[in-house]
Amino acid sequence: MTLIWYQSSHFNPEIIYYSGLTLAPRIILLAGLILESLHLIEFGILYVLITSFQLSFGNLNHRKEITAIILSFLYSVTDELHQLFVPFRTFSVGDLIKNLIGILIMWWLFRYLHYRKRMKAREKTFPY
């Protein structure tokens, strides 16, 4: 959460614009795609970290999953509101949607891998 806060406080998107005056359009497009995909990645990672923390207090259940999704998304909203007060940054509903998509992708992936691992362990214990 600290890294997300720091990054959103210090990144100036205008740098990409001014760099674009001297770079090839393909490089600018690639840089833009990478920067936009960071929303998916950073809040997906936040979900995984919150869920991993919860696993230290027992098995994963629906309530813990929903709590991790809500906490991750609320922090996403907090980060977007924070950007209202940072020069060169803005609040964006589109960014919130990307953040939520990243959280939901990681929720699905984490859940799939976690329960698949538990099912394989159960099959080893009860092979019939």
Foldseek 3Di string as FASTA:
>chain_A
DVVLLVCLQPDAPVVLVVVVVPDDPVVSVVVVVVVLLVLLVPLLVQLVVQLVVVVVVHDDDPVSSVVSLVVSLVVVQVSLVVQVVHPNGHRDVVSSVSNSNSNVVSSVVVVVVVVVVVVVVVCVVPVD
